N, C-alpha and C. Protein backbone atom coordinates (compact mmCIF):
# COMPACT_ATOMS: atom_id res chain seq x y z
N UNK A 1 132.45 120.49 72.31
CA UNK A 1 131.85 121.68 71.75
C UNK A 1 131.41 121.44 70.31
N UNK A 2 132.20 120.69 69.56
CA UNK A 2 131.81 120.42 68.18
C UNK A 2 130.52 119.62 68.10
N UNK A 3 130.31 118.73 69.09
CA UNK A 3 129.08 117.94 69.10
C UNK A 3 127.88 118.87 69.20
N UNK A 4 127.96 119.85 70.09
CA UNK A 4 126.85 120.78 70.24
C UNK A 4 126.66 121.63 69.00
N UNK A 5 127.76 121.99 68.36
CA UNK A 5 127.66 122.77 67.13
C UNK A 5 126.96 121.94 66.07
N UNK A 6 127.30 120.65 65.98
CA UNK A 6 126.65 119.78 65.01
C UNK A 6 125.17 119.64 65.31
N UNK A 7 124.82 119.51 66.60
CA UNK A 7 123.42 119.42 66.97
C UNK A 7 122.68 120.69 66.61
N UNK A 8 123.31 121.83 66.86
CA UNK A 8 122.67 123.11 66.51
C UNK A 8 122.51 123.26 65.00
N UNK A 9 123.51 122.80 64.24
CA UNK A 9 123.40 122.85 62.79
C UNK A 9 122.26 121.98 62.29
N UNK A 10 122.13 120.79 62.86
CA UNK A 10 121.03 119.91 62.48
C UNK A 10 119.69 120.50 62.88
N UNK A 11 119.65 121.14 64.03
CA UNK A 11 118.41 121.80 64.45
C UNK A 11 118.06 122.93 63.50
N UNK A 12 119.07 123.69 63.08
CA UNK A 12 118.83 124.77 62.11
C UNK A 12 118.35 124.20 60.78
N UNK A 13 118.92 123.08 60.38
CA UNK A 13 118.49 122.43 59.14
C UNK A 13 117.05 121.96 59.27
N UNK A 14 116.71 121.43 60.44
CA UNK A 14 115.34 120.99 60.68
C UNK A 14 114.38 122.18 60.62
N UNK A 15 114.79 123.28 61.22
CA UNK A 15 113.96 124.49 61.19
C UNK A 15 113.79 124.97 59.76
N UNK A 16 114.88 124.92 58.99
CA UNK A 16 114.82 125.32 57.59
C UNK A 16 113.88 124.41 56.82
N UNK A 17 113.97 123.11 57.09
CA UNK A 17 113.08 122.15 56.43
C UNK A 17 111.64 122.45 56.77
N UNK A 18 111.39 122.76 58.04
CA UNK A 18 110.03 123.09 58.47
C UNK A 18 109.55 124.34 57.76
N UNK A 19 110.42 125.33 57.58
CA UNK A 19 110.04 126.56 56.90
C UNK A 19 109.75 126.29 55.43
N UNK A 20 110.53 125.40 54.83
CA UNK A 20 110.34 125.08 53.42
C UNK A 20 109.00 124.39 53.18
N UNK A 21 108.50 123.69 54.19
CA UNK A 21 107.25 122.95 54.04
C UNK A 21 106.04 123.77 54.50
N UNK A 22 106.22 125.07 54.65
CA UNK A 22 105.15 125.95 55.11
C UNK A 22 104.59 125.51 56.46
N UNK A 23 105.46 125.03 57.33
CA UNK A 23 105.07 124.62 58.66
C UNK A 23 105.16 125.82 59.58
N UNK A 24 104.21 125.95 60.49
CA UNK A 24 104.25 127.08 61.40
C UNK A 24 105.39 126.90 62.40
N UNK A 25 105.87 128.02 62.98
CA UNK A 25 106.96 127.93 63.96
C UNK A 25 106.60 127.04 65.14
N UNK A 26 105.32 126.95 65.48
CA UNK A 26 104.89 126.10 66.60
C UNK A 26 105.15 124.62 66.31
N UNK A 27 105.25 124.27 65.04
CA UNK A 27 105.46 122.89 64.66
C UNK A 27 106.92 122.59 64.34
N UNK A 28 107.82 123.52 64.68
CA UNK A 28 109.24 123.31 64.44
C UNK A 28 109.71 122.11 65.25
N UNK A 29 110.72 121.43 64.75
CA UNK A 29 111.21 120.23 65.41
C UNK A 29 112.04 120.59 66.64
N UNK A 30 111.82 119.85 67.69
CA UNK A 30 112.59 120.01 68.93
C UNK A 30 113.80 119.09 68.85
N UNK A 31 115.02 119.61 69.10
CA UNK A 31 116.20 118.75 69.06
C UNK A 31 116.02 117.51 69.95
N UNK A 32 116.42 116.38 69.43
CA UNK A 32 116.38 115.08 70.11
C UNK A 32 114.99 114.48 70.21
N UNK A 33 113.97 115.14 69.64
CA UNK A 33 112.64 114.55 69.61
C UNK A 33 112.61 113.44 68.56
N UNK A 34 111.58 112.64 68.57
CA UNK A 34 111.46 111.54 67.60
C UNK A 34 111.45 112.09 66.17
N UNK A 35 110.76 113.20 65.95
CA UNK A 35 110.72 113.79 64.61
C UNK A 35 112.10 114.30 64.19
N UNK A 36 112.82 114.90 65.13
CA UNK A 36 114.17 115.40 64.85
C UNK A 36 115.10 114.26 64.50
N UNK A 37 115.04 113.17 65.29
CA UNK A 37 115.87 112.00 65.03
C UNK A 37 115.56 111.44 63.64
N UNK A 38 114.28 111.40 63.29
CA UNK A 38 113.89 110.90 61.97
C UNK A 38 114.45 111.78 60.86
N UNK A 39 114.45 113.09 61.07
CA UNK A 39 115.01 114.00 60.07
C UNK A 39 116.51 113.80 59.92
N UNK A 40 117.21 113.65 61.05
CA UNK A 40 118.66 113.41 61.01
C UNK A 40 118.92 112.12 60.25
N UNK A 41 118.15 111.08 60.54
CA UNK A 41 118.32 109.80 59.85
C UNK A 41 118.08 109.95 58.35
N UNK A 42 117.05 110.71 57.99
CA UNK A 42 116.75 110.91 56.57
C UNK A 42 117.88 111.66 55.87
N UNK A 43 118.50 112.60 56.56
CA UNK A 43 119.58 113.39 55.96
C UNK A 43 120.90 112.66 55.91
N UNK A 44 121.24 111.92 56.98
CA UNK A 44 122.56 111.28 57.07
C UNK A 44 122.53 109.80 56.70
N UNK A 45 121.47 109.12 57.03
CA UNK A 45 121.37 107.70 56.77
C UNK A 45 122.42 106.89 57.51
N UNK A 46 121.99 106.02 58.40
CA UNK A 46 122.94 105.23 59.18
C UNK A 46 122.86 103.75 58.83
N UNK A 47 121.93 103.36 57.98
CA UNK A 47 121.77 101.96 57.62
C UNK A 47 122.85 101.51 56.66
N UNK A 48 122.84 100.21 56.37
CA UNK A 48 123.85 99.65 55.48
C UNK A 48 123.39 99.57 54.03
N UNK A 49 122.21 100.13 53.73
CA UNK A 49 121.71 100.10 52.37
C UNK A 49 121.00 98.80 52.02
N UNK A 50 120.95 97.87 52.96
CA UNK A 50 120.30 96.58 52.73
C UNK A 50 119.12 96.37 53.67
N UNK A 51 118.64 97.45 54.23
CA UNK A 51 117.51 97.36 55.13
C UNK A 51 117.89 97.10 56.58
N UNK A 52 119.17 97.02 56.86
CA UNK A 52 119.62 96.81 58.23
C UNK A 52 120.01 98.15 58.82
N UNK A 53 119.34 98.54 59.84
CA UNK A 53 119.64 99.82 60.45
C UNK A 53 119.73 99.71 61.95
N UNK A 54 120.05 100.81 62.55
CA UNK A 54 120.20 100.90 63.99
C UNK A 54 118.89 101.37 64.61
N UNK A 55 118.75 101.20 65.90
CA UNK A 55 117.61 101.75 66.62
C UNK A 55 117.79 103.26 66.67
N UNK A 56 116.87 103.99 66.04
CA UNK A 56 117.00 105.43 65.98
C UNK A 56 117.05 106.04 67.37
N UNK A 57 118.03 106.91 67.56
CA UNK A 57 118.21 107.59 68.83
C UNK A 57 119.06 106.84 69.84
N UNK A 58 119.41 105.58 69.54
CA UNK A 58 120.21 104.79 70.48
C UNK A 58 121.64 105.32 70.53
N UNK A 59 122.40 104.85 71.51
CA UNK A 59 123.80 105.26 71.63
C UNK A 59 124.60 104.88 70.40
N UNK A 60 124.35 103.69 69.87
CA UNK A 60 125.05 103.25 68.66
C UNK A 60 124.70 104.15 67.48
N UNK A 61 123.42 104.50 67.37
CA UNK A 61 122.98 105.39 66.30
C UNK A 61 123.65 106.75 66.42
N UNK A 62 123.70 107.29 67.65
CA UNK A 62 124.34 108.59 67.87
C UNK A 62 125.82 108.53 67.51
N UNK A 63 126.46 107.41 67.80
CA UNK A 63 127.88 107.25 67.45
C UNK A 63 128.07 107.30 65.94
N UNK A 64 127.18 106.64 65.20
CA UNK A 64 127.28 106.65 63.74
C UNK A 64 127.03 108.06 63.21
N UNK A 65 126.07 108.77 63.79
CA UNK A 65 125.81 110.16 63.37
C UNK A 65 127.04 111.02 63.62
N UNK A 66 127.66 110.85 64.79
CA UNK A 66 128.89 111.60 65.08
C UNK A 66 129.98 111.28 64.06
N UNK A 67 130.08 110.01 63.70
CA UNK A 67 131.07 109.61 62.70
C UNK A 67 130.78 110.26 61.36
N UNK A 68 129.53 110.23 60.94
CA UNK A 68 129.15 110.84 59.65
C UNK A 68 129.39 112.34 59.64
N UNK A 69 129.27 112.96 60.80
CA UNK A 69 129.52 114.41 60.90
C UNK A 69 131.00 114.73 61.08
N UNK A 70 131.80 113.69 61.28
CA UNK A 70 133.25 113.88 61.42
C UNK A 70 133.66 114.40 62.79
N UNK A 71 132.85 114.13 63.82
CA UNK A 71 133.19 114.64 65.15
C UNK A 71 133.45 113.52 66.16
N UNK A 72 133.30 112.27 65.77
CA UNK A 72 133.55 111.17 66.71
C UNK A 72 135.04 111.05 66.95
N UNK A 73 135.40 110.80 68.19
CA UNK A 73 136.79 110.66 68.61
C UNK A 73 137.62 111.92 68.39
N UNK A 74 136.95 113.03 68.26
CA UNK A 74 137.63 114.32 68.13
C UNK A 74 137.97 114.81 69.54
N UNK A 75 139.26 114.98 69.85
CA UNK A 75 139.63 115.39 71.20
C UNK A 75 139.06 116.76 71.58
N UNK A 76 138.70 117.57 70.61
CA UNK A 76 138.14 118.89 70.91
C UNK A 76 136.64 118.80 71.24
N UNK A 77 136.02 117.68 70.92
CA UNK A 77 134.58 117.51 71.19
C UNK A 77 134.40 117.01 72.62
N UNK A 78 133.35 117.47 73.29
CA UNK A 78 133.12 117.03 74.67
C UNK A 78 132.73 115.56 74.73
C-alpha cells in the first residue's frame, strides 16, 4: 500500500510541476510514462554522481526509487 501511496504522491508532484509550468491538464504526466519516469529521476536521482546510472524504469531503478522513498523491504508495502 505504501508503494501505491508513493506513486500517487509522485504523480501529484508531477501534476503540480505541470501546473507550475503553465502546462494544460491534457499534457499532465501519466504515471509510469517515460516523462513521469524522467521527472522521478530528476527529483530523486538514482545515479552515483559520476555519470553512472541505471536504466530508467528498469526493475533495478524502481528498487532504488523505493529505497530513496523509504518503502523498500517494508513489510506493510505490497
